[in-house]
Amino acid sequence: MAENKNTETKQVKSADAKPASRQSMTPELAKELGLDPGPYGKPTKK
């Protein structure tokens, strides 16, 4: 069971790390993460 928890944590961490790299983020990806692309393509939280 502990191994499963570690795997889940890793997935969450990698998902959280994606928004940090805004330059490579696409508007579509921003929508998936619940973000709105700003005027310059930078996602901003609703």
C-alpha atoms as a PDB file:
ATOM      1  CA  MET A   1       0.000   0.000   0.000  1.00  0.00           C
ATOM      2  CA  ALA A   2       2.844   2.395   0.775  1.00  0.00           C
ATOM      3  CA  GLU A   3       4.211   1.978  -2.744  1.00  0.00           C
ATOM      4  CA  ASN A   4       0.862   2.996  -4.212  1.00  0.00           C
ATOM      5  CA  LYS A   5       0.831   6.144  -2.087  1.00  0.00           C
ATOM      6  CA  ASN A   6       4.306   7.077  -3.303  1.00  0.00           C
ATOM      7  CA  THR A   7       3.227   6.644  -6.918  1.00  0.00           C
ATOM      8  CA  GLU A   8       0.172   8.835  -6.385  1.00  0.00           C
ATOM      9  CA  THR A   9       2.268  11.511  -4.710  1.00  0.00           C
ATOM     10  CA  LYS A  10       4.724  11.503  -7.610  1.00  0.00           C
ATOM     11  CA  GLN A  11       1.899  11.955 -10.115  1.00  0.00           C
ATOM     12  CA  VAL A  12       0.477  14.870  -8.127  1.00  0.00           C
ATOM     13  CA  LYS A  13       3.896  16.502  -7.825  1.00  0.00           C
ATOM     14  CA  SER A  14       4.584  16.246 -11.555  1.00  0.00           C
ATOM     15  CA  ALA A  15       1.127  17.680 -12.260  1.00  0.00           C
ATOM     16  CA  ASP A  16       1.806  20.564  -9.876  1.00  0.00           C
ATOM     17  CA  ALA A  17       5.170  21.219 -11.515  1.00  0.00           C
ATOM     18  CA  LYS A  18       3.618  21.706 -14.963  1.00  0.00           C
ATOM     19  CA  PRO A  19       1.987  25.107 -14.238  1.00  0.00           C
ATOM     20  CA  ALA A  20       5.367  26.354 -13.006  1.00  0.00           C
ATOM     21  CA  SER A  21       6.764  26.196 -16.561  1.00  0.00           C
ATOM     22  CA  ARG A  22       4.382  28.737 -18.079  1.00  0.00           C
ATOM     23  CA  GLN A  23       6.439  29.315 -21.247  1.00  0.00           C
ATOM     24  CA  SER A  24       5.795  25.790 -22.530  1.00  0.00           C
ATOM     25  CA  MET A  25       2.145  25.791 -21.459  1.00  0.00           C
ATOM     26  CA  THR A  26      -0.474  25.858 -24.207  1.00  0.00           C
ATOM     27  CA  PRO A  27      -3.942  27.439 -23.814  1.00  0.00           C
ATOM     28  CA  GLU A  28      -5.429  23.944 -24.109  1.00  0.00           C
ATOM     29  CA  LEU A  29      -3.274  22.654 -21.261  1.00  0.00           C
ATOM     30  CA  ALA A  30      -4.175  25.716 -19.214  1.00  0.00           C
ATOM     31  CA  LYS A  31      -7.859  24.932 -19.692  1.00  0.00           C
ATOM     32  CA  GLU A  32      -7.288  21.366 -18.492  1.00  0.00           C
ATOM     33  CA  LEU A  33      -5.639  22.722 -15.340  1.00  0.00           C
ATOM     34  CA  GLY A  34      -8.545  25.127 -14.820  1.00  0.00           C
ATOM     35  CA  LEU A  35      -6.546  28.201 -15.845  1.00  0.00           C
ATOM     36  CA  ASP A  36      -7.391  30.935 -18.324  1.00  0.00           C
ATOM     37  CA  PRO A  37      -4.676  31.996 -20.789  1.00  0.00           C
ATOM     38  CA  GLY A  38      -3.836  35.650 -20.288  1.00  0.00           C
ATOM     39  CA  PRO A  39      -3.453  38.288 -23.038  1.00  0.00           C
ATOM     40  CA  TYR A  40       0.117  37.122 -23.653  1.00  0.00           C
ATOM     41  CA  GLY A  41      -0.638  33.409 -23.448  1.00  0.00           C
ATOM     42  CA  LYS A  42       0.326  33.244 -19.788  1.00  0.00           C
ATOM     43  CA  PRO A  43      -2.287  31.344 -17.766  1.00  0.00           C
ATOM     44  CA  THR A  44      -3.913  33.196 -14.890  1.00  0.00           C
ATOM     45  CA  LYS A  45      -6.006  31.637 -12.156  1.00  0.00           C
ATOM     46  CA  LYS A  46      -9.722  32.372 -12.315  1.00  0.00           C
END
